[in-house]
Protein backbone atom coordinates (compact mmCIF):
# COMPACT_ATOMS: atom_id res chain seq x y z
CA UNK A 1 69.24 -67.75 106.65
CA UNK A 2 70.92 -64.52 105.72
CA UNK A 3 70.19 -63.05 109.12
CA UNK A 4 72.76 -65.50 110.48
CA UNK A 5 74.54 -67.08 107.49
CA UNK A 6 75.72 -64.32 105.14
CA UNK A 7 76.14 -64.91 101.40
CA UNK A 8 78.92 -63.16 99.45
CA UNK A 9 77.94 -60.35 97.08
CA UNK A 10 80.73 -60.13 94.51
CA UNK A 11 83.02 -62.30 92.42
CA UNK A 12 86.05 -61.02 94.33
CA UNK A 13 85.09 -63.09 97.40
CA UNK A 14 86.98 -66.18 96.25
CA UNK A 15 86.84 -69.11 97.22
CA UNK A 16 83.21 -68.66 98.34
CA UNK A 17 82.30 -67.37 94.87
CA UNK A 18 83.61 -69.17 91.80
CA UNK A 19 82.60 -70.39 88.38
CA UNK A 20 81.89 -74.09 87.97
CA UNK A 21 80.61 -76.27 85.13
CA UNK A 22 77.83 -78.08 87.02
CA UNK A 23 74.78 -76.44 85.35
CA UNK A 24 76.68 -75.58 82.18
CA UNK A 25 79.63 -73.37 81.29
CA UNK A 26 80.11 -70.24 83.42
CA UNK A 27 77.80 -71.33 86.23
CA UNK A 28 78.24 -69.18 89.32
CA UNK A 29 78.54 -70.98 92.66
CA UNK A 30 78.07 -69.04 95.91
CA UNK A 31 78.69 -70.58 99.34
CA UNK A 32 77.61 -69.00 102.61
CA UNK A 33 80.19 -67.70 105.04
CA UNK A 34 80.88 -69.71 108.16
CA UNK A 35 79.67 -68.23 111.41
CA UNK A 36 82.06 -65.63 112.85
CA UNK A 37 84.64 -66.94 115.31
CA UNK A 38 82.86 -65.06 118.10
CA UNK A 39 79.97 -67.53 117.71
CA UNK A 40 82.39 -70.33 118.55
CA UNK A 41 82.91 -68.73 121.95
CA UNK A 42 79.11 -68.61 122.39
CA UNK A 43 78.98 -72.25 121.37
CA UNK A 44 81.65 -73.23 123.90
CA UNK A 45 79.89 -71.29 126.67
CA UNK A 46 76.53 -72.89 125.89
CA UNK A 47 78.04 -76.38 125.66
CA UNK A 48 79.88 -75.86 128.98
CA UNK A 49 76.61 -74.74 130.57
CA UNK A 50 74.78 -77.78 129.19
CA UNK A 51 77.54 -80.08 130.43
CA UNK A 52 77.35 -78.58 133.92
CA UNK A 53 73.55 -78.89 133.88
CA UNK A 54 73.75 -82.52 132.75
CA UNK A 55 76.49 -83.37 135.25
CA UNK A 56 74.78 -81.80 138.25
CA UNK A 57 71.27 -83.01 137.46
CA UNK A 58 72.11 -86.52 136.24
CA UNK A 59 71.50 -88.26 139.60
CA UNK A 60 68.25 -86.36 140.20
CA UNK A 61 66.93 -87.17 136.74
CA UNK A 62 67.95 -90.81 137.18
CA UNK A 63 66.07 -91.03 140.52
CA UNK A 64 63.05 -89.43 138.89
CA UNK A 65 63.18 -92.00 136.08
CA UNK A 66 63.46 -94.94 138.48
CA UNK A 67 60.16 -94.14 140.17
CA UNK A 68 57.13 -96.18 139.17
CA UNK A 69 55.10 -93.13 138.11
CA UNK A 70 54.94 -92.79 134.32
CA UNK A 71 54.63 -88.98 134.54
CA UNK A 72 57.93 -88.78 136.45
CA UNK A 73 59.56 -91.07 133.90
CA UNK A 74 58.24 -88.87 131.09
CA UNK A 75 59.62 -85.78 132.81
CA UNK A 76 63.03 -87.45 133.23
CA UNK A 77 63.14 -88.48 129.58
CA UNK A 78 62.06 -84.97 128.56
CA UNK A 79 64.84 -83.39 130.62
CA UNK A 80 67.47 -85.66 129.06
CA UNK A 81 65.94 -85.06 125.64
CA UNK A 82 66.13 -81.27 126.02
CA UNK A 83 69.79 -81.43 127.02
CA UNK A 84 70.63 -83.79 124.16
CA UNK A 85 68.63 -81.97 121.45
CA UNK A 86 70.00 -78.57 122.48
CA UNK A 87 73.57 -79.90 122.21
CA UNK A 88 72.91 -81.42 118.79
CA UNK A 89 71.19 -78.30 117.42
CA UNK A 90 74.00 -76.03 118.63
CA UNK A 91 76.61 -78.28 117.00
CA UNK A 92 74.62 -78.45 113.74
CA UNK A 93 74.33 -74.66 113.59
CA UNK A 94 78.11 -74.39 113.65
CA UNK A 95 78.53 -76.77 110.67
CA UNK A 96 75.65 -75.57 108.42
CA UNK A 97 76.42 -74.29 104.92
CA UNK A 98 74.24 -73.13 102.02
CA UNK A 99 75.28 -73.17 98.36
CA UNK A 100 73.53 -71.44 95.45
CA UNK A 101 74.40 -72.18 91.81
CA UNK A 102 72.88 -70.23 88.92
CA UNK A 103 73.17 -70.33 85.16
CA UNK A 104 70.49 -68.53 83.13
CA UNK A 105 67.11 -69.73 84.35
CA UNK A 106 68.54 -72.78 86.17
CA UNK A 107 69.05 -72.46 89.90
CA UNK A 108 70.33 -75.08 92.33
CA UNK A 109 70.17 -74.58 96.09
CA UNK A 110 72.03 -77.06 98.31
CA UNK A 111 72.09 -77.18 102.10
CA UNK A 112 74.86 -79.04 103.88
CA UNK A 113 75.45 -80.18 107.43
CA UNK A 114 78.95 -81.40 108.37
CA UNK A 115 79.82 -81.21 104.65
CA UNK A 116 77.06 -83.69 103.74
CA UNK A 117 74.24 -82.48 101.51
CA UNK A 118 70.84 -83.02 103.14
CA UNK A 119 68.72 -80.88 100.83
CA UNK A 120 69.21 -80.06 97.18
CA UNK A 121 66.72 -78.38 94.85
CA UNK A 122 67.19 -77.81 91.15
CA UNK A 123 64.73 -75.21 89.88
CA UNK A 124 63.75 -73.84 86.51
CA UNK A 125 63.01 -70.16 87.16
CA UNK A 126 59.75 -68.82 85.72
CA UNK A 127 60.25 -65.21 86.86
CA UNK A 128 63.14 -62.97 87.75
CA UNK A 129 64.44 -63.07 91.30
CA UNK A 130 62.56 -60.68 93.56
CA UNK A 131 63.25 -58.90 96.85
CA UNK A 132 60.18 -58.53 99.07
CA UNK A 133 59.69 -57.05 102.50
CA UNK A 134 58.33 -59.36 105.16
CA UNK A 135 56.53 -57.56 107.96
CA UNK A 136 54.88 -60.10 110.26
CA UNK A 137 53.15 -57.64 112.56
CA UNK A 138 51.51 -54.27 111.97
CA UNK A 139 53.84 -51.31 112.10
CA UNK A 140 51.87 -49.39 114.75
CA UNK A 141 54.64 -46.84 115.37
CA UNK A 142 54.68 -45.91 111.68
CA UNK A 143 50.89 -45.78 111.43
CA UNK A 144 50.70 -43.27 114.29
CA UNK A 145 53.32 -41.14 112.51
CA UNK A 146 54.68 -39.81 115.80
CA UNK A 147 58.30 -38.57 115.52
CA UNK A 148 59.00 -39.71 119.09
CA UNK A 149 58.18 -43.30 118.07
CA UNK A 150 60.43 -43.40 114.99
CA UNK A 151 62.98 -45.61 116.75
CA UNK A 152 60.28 -48.17 117.55
CA UNK A 153 59.14 -48.68 113.96
CA UNK A 154 59.07 -52.32 112.92
CA UNK A 155 60.98 -52.61 109.66
CA UNK A 156 60.72 -56.39 109.44
CA UNK A 157 63.19 -58.17 107.19
CA UNK A 158 63.55 -58.74 103.45
CA UNK A 159 63.36 -61.94 101.44
CA UNK A 160 65.07 -62.87 98.18
CA UNK A 161 62.58 -65.08 96.33
CA UNK A 162 63.10 -67.41 93.38
CA UNK A 163 59.91 -68.28 91.49
CA UNK A 164 59.48 -71.66 89.81
CA UNK A 165 56.47 -73.50 88.42
CA UNK A 166 55.54 -75.05 91.79
CA UNK A 167 55.69 -71.79 93.74
CA UNK A 168 58.60 -69.90 95.22
CA UNK A 169 61.71 -70.60 97.25
CA UNK A 170 63.32 -68.24 99.75
CA UNK A 171 66.97 -67.98 98.71
CA UNK A 172 68.04 -65.62 101.46
CA UNK A 173 66.70 -63.22 104.07
CA UNK A 174 68.32 -60.13 105.46
CA UNK A 175 67.52 -57.08 107.54
CA UNK A 176 69.03 -54.86 104.82
CA UNK A 177 67.28 -54.54 101.46
CA UNK A 178 70.48 -53.16 99.90
CA UNK A 179 72.35 -56.41 100.66
CA UNK A 180 69.67 -58.53 98.99
CA UNK A 181 69.42 -56.16 96.03
CA UNK A 182 73.18 -56.54 95.54
CA UNK A 183 72.90 -60.34 95.74
CA UNK A 184 69.97 -60.30 93.30
CA UNK A 185 71.90 -58.13 90.82
CA UNK A 186 74.94 -60.39 91.16
CA UNK A 187 72.91 -63.56 90.55
CA UNK A 188 70.98 -61.97 87.68
CA UNK A 189 74.25 -61.32 85.86
CA UNK A 190 74.62 -65.09 85.32
């Protein structure tokens, strides 16, 4: 999730980059940066808005639920569910962290929520890491080759892929190819 959660690019970014012994001697461990503090203000504003919505609409939703019509009850449960799920997702986004460890052709990717690992993959790489462009829609502005439309060209985003025997895993994505090339070079040095 490099478009939101940035990974460090050099060994000087301690303590997010350090050597550990988990996959063998001189294993590099890279942890994603936390969200910028500005995002905490967004989080507080969104949570305040959700609280106000829940507080003001609670009696209406409760009346809707107390009717005998199952469609109204479903709508009431859906409204409460949306408020609850949105709050949980926003809180989880604030406490998400990604860790990449690499030593030779061994690669371990761990995802954590609230400091608890919920996904961990240990891969044996079959190919070198690769940066690929992902363009999900046709680049019409570029195809027309009109200088007035240069600002509207869809550049997509770039993916850093790790290939293993069962397929590939997206390690990171970014809007800048240079950033991913730097991360690839850094990881390839271990």
